């Protein structure tokens, strides 16, 4: 059993799903897409990314929306899905907004309309 297969089992998602996400570039090693059959140094960071992706997919976000969010976060210097918390806000389909909560004072709106427009600052009393 490969490290990727073990991680898929630990997260509770099918290996084929993880392999597809790797081919699509949602899971990367050192900035390069993973190849399912190529041995890679798998870390807890990758398992954390799998958990986050699985949760976001369960919230019915499309692969395209996740890929676009990952690209935006990379351009901003973030490691897309291994750090921070995410919130899906709004109704159905395209009306949903994906927000990455960076810390207690800031978040990034990753929805298509607002992508790349910077941070949301959250006042705390």
N, C-alpha and C. Protein backbone atom coordinates (compact mmCIF):
# COMPACT_ATOMS: atom_id res chain seq x y z
N UNK A 1 0.84 -1.18 0.00
CA UNK A 1 0.00 0.00 0.00
C UNK A 1 0.89 1.25 0.00
N UNK A 2 0.62 2.19 -0.92
CA UNK A 2 1.41 3.41 -1.00
C UNK A 2 1.02 4.38 0.11
N UNK A 3 1.84 5.39 0.30
CA UNK A 3 1.54 6.41 1.31
C UNK A 3 0.25 7.15 0.96
N UNK A 4 0.02 7.38 -0.34
CA UNK A 4 -1.20 8.05 -0.77
C UNK A 4 -2.43 7.19 -0.46
N UNK A 5 -2.32 5.89 -0.66
CA UNK A 5 -3.42 4.99 -0.35
C UNK A 5 -3.71 4.97 1.15
N UNK A 6 -2.64 4.97 1.95
CA UNK A 6 -2.81 5.00 3.41
C UNK A 6 -3.50 6.29 3.85
N UNK A 7 -3.10 7.40 3.25
CA UNK A 7 -3.70 8.69 3.62
C UNK A 7 -5.18 8.73 3.22
N UNK A 8 -5.49 8.21 2.04
CA UNK A 8 -6.89 8.16 1.60
C UNK A 8 -7.73 7.36 2.60
N UNK A 9 -7.21 6.22 3.02
CA UNK A 9 -7.92 5.39 3.99
C UNK A 9 -8.06 6.12 5.33
N UNK A 10 -7.02 6.82 5.76
CA UNK A 10 -7.07 7.54 7.04
C UNK A 10 -8.11 8.66 7.02
N UNK A 11 -8.27 9.31 5.87
CA UNK A 11 -9.23 10.40 5.74
C UNK A 11 -10.64 9.87 5.46
N UNK A 12 -10.71 8.65 4.94
CA UNK A 12 -12.01 8.05 4.66
C UNK A 12 -12.56 8.38 3.29
N UNK A 13 -11.67 8.61 2.33
CA UNK A 13 -12.10 8.87 0.95
C UNK A 13 -11.44 7.84 0.03
N UNK A 14 -12.07 7.57 -1.11
CA UNK A 14 -11.51 6.58 -2.02
C UNK A 14 -10.15 7.00 -2.57
N UNK A 15 -9.28 6.04 -2.75
CA UNK A 15 -7.96 6.31 -3.32
C UNK A 15 -8.10 6.94 -4.70
N UNK A 16 -9.05 6.49 -5.50
CA UNK A 16 -9.23 7.04 -6.84
C UNK A 16 -9.53 8.54 -6.80
N UNK A 17 -10.24 8.97 -5.78
CA UNK A 17 -10.52 10.40 -5.61
C UNK A 17 -9.22 11.16 -5.35
N UNK A 18 -8.40 10.62 -4.47
CA UNK A 18 -7.11 11.26 -4.16
C UNK A 18 -6.24 11.29 -5.41
N UNK A 19 -6.20 10.20 -6.16
CA UNK A 19 -5.40 10.14 -7.38
C UNK A 19 -5.89 11.18 -8.39
N UNK A 20 -7.22 11.34 -8.50
CA UNK A 20 -7.78 12.33 -9.42
C UNK A 20 -7.39 13.74 -8.99
N UNK A 21 -7.50 14.02 -7.68
CA UNK A 21 -7.12 15.34 -7.19
C UNK A 21 -5.64 15.60 -7.44
N UNK A 22 -4.83 14.58 -7.31
CA UNK A 22 -3.39 14.72 -7.58
C UNK A 22 -3.16 15.06 -9.06
N UNK A 23 -3.83 14.33 -9.95
CA UNK A 23 -3.69 14.61 -11.39
C UNK A 23 -4.17 16.01 -11.73
N UNK A 24 -5.19 16.48 -11.04
CA UNK A 24 -5.76 17.80 -11.31
C UNK A 24 -4.96 18.92 -10.65
N UNK A 25 -3.94 18.56 -9.88
CA UNK A 25 -3.09 19.57 -9.27
C UNK A 25 -3.58 20.14 -7.96
N UNK A 26 -4.64 19.56 -7.38
CA UNK A 26 -5.11 20.07 -6.09
C UNK A 26 -4.18 19.68 -4.95
N UNK A 27 -3.48 18.57 -5.10
CA UNK A 27 -2.51 18.12 -4.10
C UNK A 27 -1.15 18.20 -4.77
N UNK A 28 -0.22 18.88 -4.13
CA UNK A 28 1.09 19.07 -4.73
C UNK A 28 2.21 18.78 -3.75
N UNK A 29 3.37 18.47 -4.30
CA UNK A 29 4.59 18.30 -3.51
C UNK A 29 5.59 19.31 -4.04
N UNK A 30 6.08 20.17 -3.20
CA UNK A 30 7.06 21.18 -3.59
C UNK A 30 6.61 21.98 -4.80
N UNK A 31 5.31 22.30 -4.86
CA UNK A 31 4.79 23.13 -5.93
C UNK A 31 4.51 22.42 -7.23
N UNK A 32 4.69 21.11 -7.27
CA UNK A 32 4.44 20.35 -8.50
C UNK A 32 3.32 19.35 -8.26
N UNK A 33 2.44 19.15 -9.27
CA UNK A 33 1.38 18.16 -9.10
C UNK A 33 1.94 16.78 -8.79
N UNK A 34 1.26 16.08 -7.91
CA UNK A 34 1.69 14.72 -7.56
C UNK A 34 1.23 13.76 -8.65
N UNK A 35 1.97 12.71 -8.84
CA UNK A 35 1.59 11.66 -9.76
C UNK A 35 1.24 10.44 -8.92
N UNK A 36 0.03 9.90 -9.07
CA UNK A 36 -0.44 8.82 -8.19
C UNK A 36 0.49 7.62 -8.09
N UNK A 37 1.14 7.23 -9.16
CA UNK A 37 1.97 6.02 -9.11
C UNK A 37 3.44 6.30 -8.82
N UNK A 38 3.79 7.56 -8.64
CA UNK A 38 5.17 7.92 -8.35
C UNK A 38 5.34 8.05 -6.84
N UNK A 39 6.29 7.32 -6.26
CA UNK A 39 6.51 7.46 -4.81
C UNK A 39 6.91 8.90 -4.47
N UNK A 40 6.26 9.45 -3.47
CA UNK A 40 6.57 10.81 -3.02
C UNK A 40 6.73 10.81 -1.52
N UNK A 41 7.47 11.78 -1.01
CA UNK A 41 7.57 11.90 0.45
C UNK A 41 6.27 12.47 1.01
N UNK A 42 5.37 11.60 1.45
CA UNK A 42 4.07 12.01 1.97
C UNK A 42 4.24 12.50 3.39
N UNK A 43 3.60 13.60 3.72
CA UNK A 43 3.71 14.16 5.06
C UNK A 43 2.33 14.36 5.66
N UNK A 44 2.30 14.73 6.92
CA UNK A 44 1.03 15.05 7.58
C UNK A 44 0.37 16.26 6.92
N UNK A 45 1.17 17.15 6.34
CA UNK A 45 0.64 18.30 5.62
C UNK A 45 -0.27 17.84 4.48
N UNK A 46 0.15 16.82 3.75
CA UNK A 46 -0.67 16.31 2.65
C UNK A 46 -1.97 15.68 3.17
N UNK A 47 -1.87 14.97 4.28
CA UNK A 47 -3.07 14.38 4.87
C UNK A 47 -4.02 15.47 5.33
N UNK A 48 -3.48 16.55 5.90
CA UNK A 48 -4.29 17.69 6.31
C UNK A 48 -4.98 18.32 5.09
N UNK A 49 -4.26 18.45 3.98
CA UNK A 49 -4.85 18.98 2.75
C UNK A 49 -5.99 18.08 2.27
N UNK A 50 -5.79 16.77 2.35
CA UNK A 50 -6.85 15.84 1.94
C UNK A 50 -8.10 16.03 2.78
N UNK A 51 -7.92 16.17 4.09
CA UNK A 51 -9.07 16.39 4.98
C UNK A 51 -9.82 17.65 4.60
N UNK A 52 -9.08 18.73 4.36
CA UNK A 52 -9.69 20.00 3.99
C UNK A 52 -10.43 19.87 2.66
N UNK A 53 -9.78 19.28 1.66
CA UNK A 53 -10.41 19.12 0.35
C UNK A 53 -11.66 18.26 0.44
N UNK A 54 -11.60 17.18 1.21
CA UNK A 54 -12.75 16.30 1.36
C UNK A 54 -13.92 17.06 2.00
N UNK A 55 -13.63 17.89 2.99
CA UNK A 55 -14.66 18.68 3.65
C UNK A 55 -15.28 19.70 2.68
N UNK A 56 -14.42 20.37 1.90
CA UNK A 56 -14.92 21.36 0.95
C UNK A 56 -15.72 20.71 -0.17
N UNK A 57 -15.30 19.54 -0.62
CA UNK A 57 -16.06 18.82 -1.64
C UNK A 57 -17.41 18.38 -1.08
N UNK A 58 -17.45 17.98 0.19
CA UNK A 58 -18.70 17.59 0.83
C UNK A 58 -19.67 18.77 0.92
N UNK A 59 -19.11 19.99 0.94
CA UNK A 59 -19.92 21.21 0.95
C UNK A 59 -20.36 21.58 -0.47
N UNK A 60 -20.12 20.68 -1.41
CA UNK A 60 -20.55 20.81 -2.80
C UNK A 60 -19.84 21.93 -3.56
N UNK A 61 -18.56 22.16 -3.26
CA UNK A 61 -17.77 23.08 -4.06
C UNK A 61 -17.19 22.30 -5.23
N UNK A 62 -17.15 22.91 -6.38
CA UNK A 62 -16.65 22.22 -7.57
C UNK A 62 -15.13 22.13 -7.53
N UNK A 63 -14.62 21.16 -8.28
CA UNK A 63 -13.16 21.03 -8.40
C UNK A 63 -12.58 22.29 -9.01
N UNK A 64 -13.28 22.87 -9.99
CA UNK A 64 -12.80 24.09 -10.62
C UNK A 64 -12.71 25.22 -9.60
N UNK A 65 -13.72 25.36 -8.74
CA UNK A 65 -13.69 26.41 -7.72
C UNK A 65 -12.52 26.20 -6.76
N UNK A 66 -12.27 24.95 -6.40
CA UNK A 66 -11.15 24.65 -5.50
C UNK A 66 -9.81 24.93 -6.18
N UNK A 67 -9.69 24.56 -7.46
CA UNK A 67 -8.45 24.81 -8.18
C UNK A 67 -8.20 26.31 -8.31
N UNK A 68 -9.24 27.08 -8.62
CA UNK A 68 -9.10 28.54 -8.72
C UNK A 68 -8.73 29.16 -7.38
N UNK A 69 -9.34 28.65 -6.31
CA UNK A 69 -9.01 29.14 -4.97
C UNK A 69 -7.55 28.83 -4.64
N UNK A 70 -7.11 27.62 -4.96
CA UNK A 70 -5.71 27.23 -4.71
C UNK A 70 -4.76 28.12 -5.49
N UNK A 71 -5.07 28.39 -6.75
CA UNK A 71 -4.21 29.26 -7.56
C UNK A 71 -4.13 30.66 -6.98
N UNK A 72 -5.27 31.19 -6.54
CA UNK A 72 -5.29 32.52 -5.93
C UNK A 72 -4.43 32.55 -4.66
N UNK A 73 -4.59 31.54 -3.82
CA UNK A 73 -3.82 31.49 -2.59
C UNK A 73 -2.33 31.36 -2.86
N UNK A 74 -1.95 30.56 -3.85
CA UNK A 74 -0.53 30.43 -4.20
C UNK A 74 0.04 31.76 -4.66
N UNK A 75 -0.72 32.48 -5.50
CA UNK A 75 -0.26 33.80 -5.96
C UNK A 75 -0.07 34.76 -4.79
N UNK A 76 -0.84 34.57 -3.73
CA UNK A 76 -0.75 35.44 -2.56
C UNK A 76 0.32 34.95 -1.57
N UNK A 77 0.99 33.83 -1.92
CA UNK A 77 2.05 33.32 -1.06
C UNK A 77 1.59 32.36 0.02
N UNK A 78 0.39 31.83 -0.10
CA UNK A 78 -0.14 30.90 0.89
C UNK A 78 0.05 29.46 0.43
N UNK A 79 0.16 28.57 1.39
CA UNK A 79 0.11 27.15 1.10
C UNK A 79 -1.38 26.81 1.14
N UNK A 80 -2.01 26.56 -0.01
CA UNK A 80 -3.46 26.61 -0.13
C UNK A 80 -4.31 25.90 0.91
N UNK A 81 -4.19 24.60 1.05
CA UNK A 81 -5.16 23.87 1.86
C UNK A 81 -4.58 23.23 3.11
N UNK A 82 -3.31 23.48 3.41
CA UNK A 82 -2.73 22.82 4.59
C UNK A 82 -2.73 23.71 5.83
N UNK A 83 -3.04 24.99 5.65
CA UNK A 83 -3.08 25.89 6.80
C UNK A 83 -4.36 26.71 6.75
N UNK A 84 -4.73 27.27 7.87
CA UNK A 84 -5.93 28.09 7.94
C UNK A 84 -7.19 27.25 8.03
N UNK A 85 -8.29 27.93 8.20
CA UNK A 85 -9.60 27.29 8.22
C UNK A 85 -10.42 27.88 7.08
N UNK A 86 -11.38 27.12 6.64
CA UNK A 86 -12.20 27.56 5.52
C UNK A 86 -13.67 27.59 5.93
N UNK A 87 -14.39 28.52 5.31
CA UNK A 87 -15.83 28.61 5.52
C UNK A 87 -16.49 28.73 4.16
N UNK A 88 -17.58 28.00 4.00
CA UNK A 88 -18.41 28.12 2.81
C UNK A 88 -19.65 28.89 3.25
N UNK A 89 -19.88 30.02 2.62
CA UNK A 89 -20.95 30.92 3.01
C UNK A 89 -21.95 31.05 1.87
N UNK A 90 -23.22 31.03 2.20
CA UNK A 90 -24.23 31.30 1.19
C UNK A 90 -25.05 30.10 0.81
N UNK A 91 -25.86 30.31 -0.21
CA UNK A 91 -26.84 29.34 -0.64
C UNK A 91 -26.29 28.25 -1.53
N UNK A 92 -26.96 28.07 -2.65
CA UNK A 92 -26.66 26.96 -3.54
C UNK A 92 -25.75 27.39 -4.69
N UNK A 93 -25.02 26.42 -5.22
CA UNK A 93 -24.25 26.59 -6.46
C UNK A 93 -23.32 27.77 -6.47
N UNK A 94 -23.48 28.61 -7.50
CA UNK A 94 -22.57 29.73 -7.72
C UNK A 94 -22.74 30.85 -6.71
N UNK A 95 -23.78 30.79 -5.90
CA UNK A 95 -23.98 31.82 -4.88
C UNK A 95 -23.13 31.57 -3.64
N UNK A 96 -22.47 30.45 -3.58
CA UNK A 96 -21.62 30.14 -2.42
C UNK A 96 -20.32 30.91 -2.49
N UNK A 97 -19.82 31.25 -1.33
CA UNK A 97 -18.54 31.94 -1.24
C UNK A 97 -17.61 31.12 -0.37
N UNK A 98 -16.38 30.97 -0.82
CA UNK A 98 -15.35 30.28 -0.07
C UNK A 98 -14.44 31.32 0.55
N UNK A 99 -14.27 31.22 1.87
CA UNK A 99 -13.44 32.16 2.61
C UNK A 99 -12.40 31.37 3.39
N UNK A 100 -11.14 31.80 3.31
CA UNK A 100 -10.09 31.21 4.13
C UNK A 100 -9.85 32.13 5.31
N UNK A 101 -9.99 31.58 6.51
CA UNK A 101 -9.73 32.34 7.73
C UNK A 101 -8.28 32.12 8.09
N UNK A 102 -7.50 33.18 8.01
CA UNK A 102 -6.06 33.08 8.24
C UNK A 102 -5.71 33.13 9.72
N UNK A 103 -6.31 34.05 10.43
CA UNK A 103 -6.13 34.16 11.87
C UNK A 103 -7.34 34.88 12.43
N UNK A 104 -7.31 35.24 13.69
CA UNK A 104 -8.50 35.81 14.31
C UNK A 104 -8.87 37.19 13.78
N UNK A 105 -7.98 37.82 13.01
CA UNK A 105 -8.25 39.16 12.52
C UNK A 105 -8.36 39.28 11.01
N UNK A 106 -8.09 38.23 10.28
CA UNK A 106 -8.15 38.37 8.83
C UNK A 106 -8.60 37.10 8.13
N UNK A 107 -9.23 37.31 6.99
CA UNK A 107 -9.71 36.22 6.15
C UNK A 107 -9.59 36.66 4.71
N UNK A 108 -9.60 35.70 3.80
CA UNK A 108 -9.51 35.99 2.37
C UNK A 108 -10.76 35.45 1.70
N UNK A 109 -11.46 36.32 0.99
CA UNK A 109 -12.64 35.91 0.24
C UNK A 109 -12.16 35.33 -1.09
N UNK A 110 -12.42 34.05 -1.31
CA UNK A 110 -11.94 33.37 -2.51
C UNK A 110 -13.04 33.16 -3.54
N UNK A 111 -14.20 33.79 -3.34
CA UNK A 111 -15.28 33.63 -4.30
C UNK A 111 -14.91 34.33 -5.60
N UNK A 112 -15.50 33.88 -6.68
CA UNK A 112 -15.14 34.35 -8.01
C UNK A 112 -15.25 35.87 -8.13
N UNK A 113 -16.31 36.46 -7.60
CA UNK A 113 -16.50 37.91 -7.72
C UNK A 113 -15.42 38.71 -7.00
N UNK A 114 -14.93 38.18 -5.89
CA UNK A 114 -14.04 38.96 -5.03
C UNK A 114 -12.60 38.46 -5.03
N UNK A 115 -12.31 37.43 -5.79
CA UNK A 115 -11.00 36.79 -5.77
C UNK A 115 -9.89 37.78 -6.06
N UNK A 116 -8.86 37.72 -5.24
CA UNK A 116 -7.68 38.54 -5.46
C UNK A 116 -7.82 39.96 -4.99
N UNK A 117 -8.92 40.30 -4.34
CA UNK A 117 -9.09 41.67 -3.89
C UNK A 117 -8.57 41.88 -2.48
N UNK A 118 -7.83 40.92 -1.97
CA UNK A 118 -7.19 41.11 -0.69
C UNK A 118 -7.91 40.49 0.48
N UNK A 119 -7.62 41.03 1.63
CA UNK A 119 -8.07 40.45 2.88
C UNK A 119 -9.32 41.14 3.40
N UNK A 120 -10.08 40.40 4.17
CA UNK A 120 -11.16 40.97 4.95
C UNK A 120 -10.62 41.09 6.37
N UNK A 121 -10.74 42.25 6.96
CA UNK A 121 -10.26 42.41 8.32
C UNK A 121 -11.43 42.29 9.27
N UNK A 122 -11.26 41.47 10.27
CA UNK A 122 -12.33 41.15 11.20
C UNK A 122 -12.05 41.84 12.53
N UNK A 123 -12.86 42.86 12.87
CA UNK A 123 -12.62 43.53 14.16
C UNK A 123 -13.01 42.63 15.32
N UNK A 124 -12.19 42.62 16.34
CA UNK A 124 -12.46 41.83 17.54
C UNK A 124 -12.46 42.78 18.72
N UNK A 125 -13.55 42.74 19.51
CA UNK A 125 -13.64 43.62 20.68
C UNK A 125 -12.88 43.02 21.85
